Amino acid sequence: RIPFVDLRQQKVTKTILALLPREVIQRLHVLPLAVREDVLVVATLMPDPGPLCEVVHRYSGSRNVEFVLVQPSHLKNVIKVLFQQQVPEDR
């Protein structure tokens, strides 16, 4: 069983967000939320995140990853908002 987290109660820092590439976050609909005692906590929509484990390990460099479930609409909105704020300024 995977714990459920309300993203409205979470704050994602730039440092944590930088643990996974933007393309991986957007393509796989995952979001790094925190690092607790050397465990990377990653939000996902998948009740069985097995297929995501290898990709998250590879890109994050973290050996220990814990997945938490989140509301699909919340995750999509948070990813959209976070990456709208990172548009290059020379546009």
Protein backbone atom coordinates (compact mmCIF):
# COMPACT_ATOMS: atom_id res chain seq x y z
CA ARG A 1 0.00 0.00 0.00
CA ILE A 2 1.17 3.46 -0.89
CA PRO A 3 0.36 6.42 1.36
CA PHE A 4 -1.83 9.21 -0.01
CA VAL A 5 -0.60 12.82 0.23
CA ASP A 6 -2.56 16.01 -0.32
CA LEU A 7 -0.38 18.17 -2.57
CA ARG A 8 -2.19 21.28 -1.36
CA GLN A 9 -0.44 20.68 1.96
CA GLN A 10 3.04 20.32 0.41
CA LYS A 11 5.68 22.86 -0.47
CA VAL A 12 8.14 21.89 -3.20
CA THR A 13 11.47 23.70 -3.03
CA LYS A 14 13.66 24.41 -6.05
CA THR A 15 16.35 22.20 -4.52
CA ILE A 16 14.01 19.21 -4.30
CA LEU A 17 12.49 19.92 -7.71
CA ALA A 18 15.98 19.88 -9.25
CA LEU A 19 16.47 16.24 -8.19
CA LEU A 20 14.61 15.06 -11.30
CA PRO A 21 14.84 16.53 -14.80
CA ARG A 22 11.86 18.56 -16.00
CA GLU A 23 11.27 16.13 -18.88
CA VAL A 24 11.03 13.14 -16.53
CA ILE A 25 8.61 14.97 -14.22
CA GLN A 26 6.36 16.03 -17.09
CA ARG A 27 6.51 12.78 -19.06
CA LEU A 28 6.00 10.39 -16.14
CA HIS A 29 3.80 12.64 -14.00
CA VAL A 30 6.00 12.32 -10.94
CA LEU A 31 7.10 15.05 -8.56
CA PRO A 32 9.90 14.96 -5.99
CA LEU A 33 8.47 16.25 -2.71
CA ALA A 34 11.12 15.83 -0.04
CA VAL A 35 14.21 14.03 1.15
CA ARG A 36 13.79 12.37 4.55
CA GLU A 37 16.71 10.48 6.06
CA ASP A 38 18.26 9.79 2.62
CA VAL A 39 14.91 8.71 1.16
CA LEU A 40 13.57 10.66 -1.81
CA VAL A 41 9.79 11.03 -1.52
CA VAL A 42 8.15 11.15 -4.96
CA ALA A 43 4.49 11.86 -5.76
CA THR A 44 2.89 9.69 -8.44
CA LEU A 45 -0.50 8.85 -9.93
CA MET A 46 0.30 5.14 -10.20
CA PRO A 47 -0.88 2.82 -7.43
CA ASP A 48 1.87 0.41 -8.55
CA PRO A 49 4.96 2.57 -9.15
CA GLY A 50 7.21 -0.40 -9.92
CA PRO A 51 7.88 0.66 -13.54
CA LEU A 52 8.87 4.15 -12.32
CA CYS A 53 11.44 2.97 -9.78
CA GLU A 54 14.30 2.37 -12.19
CA VAL A 55 13.80 5.68 -14.01
CA VAL A 56 13.58 7.70 -10.79
CA HIS A 57 16.65 5.94 -9.37
CA ARG A 58 18.64 6.57 -12.54
CA TYR A 59 17.84 10.27 -12.87
CA SER A 60 17.80 11.22 -9.20
CA GLY A 61 20.86 9.26 -8.15
CA SER A 62 18.96 8.37 -4.99
CA ARG A 63 19.16 4.78 -3.87
CA ASN A 64 16.10 4.96 -1.67
CA VAL A 65 12.85 6.20 -3.14
CA GLU A 66 9.43 6.21 -1.51
CA PHE A 67 6.37 6.83 -3.66
CA VAL A 68 3.19 8.49 -2.45
CA LEU A 69 -0.11 8.75 -4.28
CA VAL A 70 -1.65 12.12 -5.06
CA GLN A 71 -4.84 13.41 -6.64
CA PRO A 72 -4.29 13.41 -10.46
CA SER A 73 -5.69 16.89 -11.00
CA HIS A 74 -3.55 18.29 -8.17
CA LEU A 75 -0.36 16.77 -9.56
CA LYS A 76 -1.00 18.01 -13.09
CA ASN A 77 -1.80 21.52 -11.82
CA VAL A 78 1.27 21.70 -9.58
CA ILE A 79 3.59 20.54 -12.38
CA LYS A 80 2.05 23.07 -14.74
CA VAL A 81 2.42 25.94 -12.25
CA LEU A 82 5.97 25.00 -11.21
CA PHE A 83 7.26 24.89 -14.76
CA GLN A 84 5.40 27.97 -15.99
CA GLN A 85 7.48 29.88 -13.46
CA GLN A 86 10.71 28.58 -14.98
CA VAL A 87 10.29 30.04 -18.46
CA PRO A 88 13.58 31.53 -19.72
CA GLU A 89 13.62 35.32 -19.40
CA ASP A 90 14.99 35.99 -22.89
CA ARG A 91 11.61 35.20 -24.48
